[in-house]
Amino acid sequence: MTTETSNTPTPVPLFITPMDVRWQDLDAYNHVNNANYLVYLQEARIKWLEQLPGKWYGDDGTPVMARSELNYRMPIEYPADIQIELFVNRIGTSSMTIGHRIVTSDDATKIHCDGSVTMVWINPKNGRPVEVPKVIRDAVAEAEHA
């Protein structure tokens, strides 16, 4: 884990949300356990999806995580005020790669984690890929034009 900050410009966020650091998230060194980073990121993605103005899952298509990448940059120590930033890295026919950063709430240059996850929309009945829903594509287009 490095303790550097990033000077790389980031794209316009798709979604930003604060995240609570809970006592139970800590390891013996008073740091958030690395597995909880994935939980934070999942909660942020769900918050983003739930605020969309339409259906992003259903009987004909639902997202599953196909890949995750996390780069641990700086420990999250308790207590902490953090936020999750989500970005669109790529959108394809049936998948979307969502970039993410976990940063200190009052200083987004203090990056605790960055990376990405790839979500694939599948038909839950047969496991075959389906198109990313229109509501997702519309949200991505809106973020890209912000």
Protein backbone atom coordinates (compact mmCIF):
# COMPACT_ATOMS: atom_id res chain seq x y z
CA MET A 1 0.00 0.00 0.00
CA THR A 2 1.48 3.33 -1.03
CA THR A 3 0.83 6.59 0.77
CA GLU A 4 1.05 8.87 -2.23
CA THR A 5 -1.65 11.09 -3.63
CA SER A 6 -2.52 11.21 -7.29
CA ASN A 7 -1.89 14.18 -9.58
CA THR A 8 -3.68 12.46 -12.47
CA PRO A 9 -6.80 14.34 -13.54
CA THR A 10 -9.97 12.33 -13.05
CA PRO A 11 -12.99 12.28 -15.34
CA VAL A 12 -16.28 13.88 -14.35
CA PRO A 13 -17.85 11.65 -11.71
CA LEU A 14 -20.89 9.58 -12.55
CA PHE A 15 -21.87 9.54 -8.86
CA ILE A 16 -20.38 10.60 -5.51
CA THR A 17 -21.61 9.42 -2.13
CA PRO A 18 -20.34 9.65 1.44
CA MET A 19 -19.68 6.34 3.17
CA ASP A 20 -19.78 5.52 6.86
CA VAL A 21 -16.73 3.81 8.32
CA ARG A 22 -17.98 1.44 10.98
CA TRP A 23 -16.03 0.12 13.95
CA GLN A 24 -16.69 -3.42 12.74
CA ASP A 25 -14.88 -2.63 9.46
CA LEU A 26 -11.50 -2.33 11.22
CA ASP A 27 -8.66 -4.80 11.53
CA ALA A 28 -6.26 -5.16 14.45
CA TYR A 29 -4.21 -2.19 13.21
CA ASN A 30 -7.16 0.27 13.34
CA HIS A 31 -7.36 0.25 9.52
CA VAL A 32 -10.38 -0.67 7.45
CA ASN A 33 -9.91 -4.31 6.43
CA ASN A 34 -9.19 -4.61 2.71
CA ALA A 35 -12.28 -6.79 2.08
CA ASN A 36 -14.52 -3.95 3.26
CA TYR A 37 -13.35 -1.74 0.39
CA LEU A 38 -15.34 -4.01 -1.95
CA VAL A 39 -18.38 -3.66 0.32
CA TYR A 40 -18.09 0.15 0.24
CA LEU A 41 -17.82 0.11 -3.55
CA GLN A 42 -20.80 -2.22 -3.89
CA GLU A 43 -22.89 0.04 -1.64
CA ALA A 44 -21.94 3.06 -3.76
CA ARG A 45 -22.88 1.29 -7.01
CA ILE A 46 -26.24 0.24 -5.57
CA LYS A 47 -26.92 3.80 -4.34
CA TRP A 48 -26.15 5.07 -7.85
CA LEU A 49 -28.35 2.47 -9.54
CA GLU A 50 -31.25 3.00 -7.14
CA GLN A 51 -31.41 6.74 -7.82
CA LEU A 52 -31.74 6.23 -11.59
CA PRO A 53 -35.16 7.18 -13.00
CA GLY A 54 -35.93 3.74 -14.41
CA LYS A 55 -35.50 -0.01 -14.19
CA TRP A 56 -31.88 -1.20 -14.23
CA TYR A 57 -32.65 -4.87 -13.49
CA GLY A 58 -35.53 -7.29 -13.93
CA ASP A 59 -36.56 -10.73 -15.15
CA ASP A 60 -34.90 -10.09 -18.52
CA GLY A 61 -31.61 -8.65 -17.28
CA THR A 62 -29.63 -8.13 -14.12
CA PRO A 63 -26.04 -7.01 -13.48
CA VAL A 64 -23.34 -9.32 -12.16
CA MET A 65 -19.76 -8.39 -11.36
CA ALA A 66 -17.35 -9.99 -13.82
CA ARG A 67 -14.11 -8.35 -12.70
CA SER A 68 -12.75 -6.12 -9.96
CA GLU A 69 -9.50 -4.22 -9.58
CA LEU A 70 -8.51 -2.41 -6.40
CA ASN A 71 -5.33 -0.44 -5.88
CA TYR A 72 -4.80 0.24 -2.19
CA ARG A 73 -3.14 3.65 -1.91
CA MET A 74 -3.54 4.81 1.70
CA PRO A 75 -5.08 3.11 4.75
CA ILE A 76 -8.47 4.24 5.99
CA GLU A 77 -8.10 4.73 9.72
CA TYR A 78 -10.97 5.11 12.18
CA PRO A 79 -12.57 7.59 12.51
CA ALA A 80 -12.68 8.69 8.90
CA ASP A 81 -14.87 10.76 6.61
CA ILE A 82 -14.67 9.20 3.17
CA GLN A 83 -16.57 9.35 -0.06
CA ILE A 84 -16.84 7.06 -3.04
CA GLU A 85 -16.54 8.47 -6.56
CA LEU A 86 -17.76 6.42 -9.52
CA PHE A 87 -16.74 7.06 -13.13
CA VAL A 88 -17.55 5.54 -16.51
CA ASN A 89 -14.44 3.91 -17.92
CA ARG A 90 -16.21 2.03 -20.72
CA ILE A 91 -19.67 0.97 -21.78
CA GLY A 92 -20.22 -1.85 -24.25
CA THR A 93 -23.21 -3.76 -25.54
CA SER A 94 -23.72 -5.94 -22.45
CA SER A 95 -21.11 -4.66 -20.01
CA MET A 96 -19.92 -1.54 -18.27
CA THR A 97 -16.61 -0.83 -16.58
CA ILE A 98 -17.06 1.53 -13.65
CA GLY A 99 -13.97 3.31 -12.35
CA HIS A 100 -13.92 4.10 -8.66
CA ARG A 101 -12.01 6.04 -6.05
CA ILE A 102 -12.33 6.06 -2.28
CA VAL A 103 -11.11 9.46 -1.09
CA THR A 104 -11.02 11.60 2.03
CA SER A 105 -14.23 13.66 2.04
CA ASP A 106 -12.59 17.06 2.52
CA ASP A 107 -9.58 16.39 0.27
CA ALA A 108 -10.18 14.28 -2.84
CA THR A 109 -6.43 14.26 -3.56
CA LYS A 110 -6.05 11.86 -0.61
CA ILE A 111 -6.89 8.63 -2.37
CA HIS A 112 -7.36 5.51 -0.25
CA CYS A 113 -8.20 3.24 -3.17
CA ASP A 114 -8.81 3.37 -6.90
CA GLY A 115 -9.53 0.86 -9.62
CA SER A 116 -12.54 -0.46 -11.48
CA VAL A 117 -15.22 -3.12 -11.68
CA THR A 118 -16.79 -4.59 -14.79
CA MET A 119 -20.50 -5.32 -14.61
CA VAL A 120 -22.17 -7.57 -17.17
CA TRP A 121 -25.93 -7.63 -17.62
CA ILE A 122 -27.21 -11.17 -18.03
CA ASN A 123 -30.55 -12.89 -18.43
CA PRO A 124 -30.99 -14.54 -15.01
CA LYS A 125 -32.92 -17.45 -16.57
CA ASN A 126 -30.19 -18.61 -18.91
CA GLY A 127 -27.02 -16.70 -17.88
CA ARG A 128 -26.56 -15.23 -21.36
CA PRO A 129 -25.47 -11.58 -21.81
CA VAL A 130 -28.15 -8.99 -22.59
CA GLU A 131 -27.93 -5.32 -23.51
CA VAL A 132 -27.12 -2.75 -20.86
CA PRO A 133 -30.47 -1.09 -20.01
CA LYS A 134 -31.36 2.24 -21.60
CA VAL A 135 -31.56 3.96 -18.20
CA ILE A 136 -27.86 3.12 -17.66
CA ARG A 137 -26.89 4.36 -21.12
CA ASP A 138 -28.84 7.58 -20.57
CA ALA A 139 -27.08 8.17 -17.21
CA VAL A 140 -23.69 7.58 -18.82
CA ALA A 141 -24.48 9.97 -21.68
CA GLU A 142 -25.61 12.62 -19.19
CA ALA A 143 -22.40 12.25 -17.13
CA GLU A 144 -20.23 12.45 -20.26
CA HIS A 145 -21.91 15.72 -21.27
CA ALA A 146 -21.74 17.30 -17.81
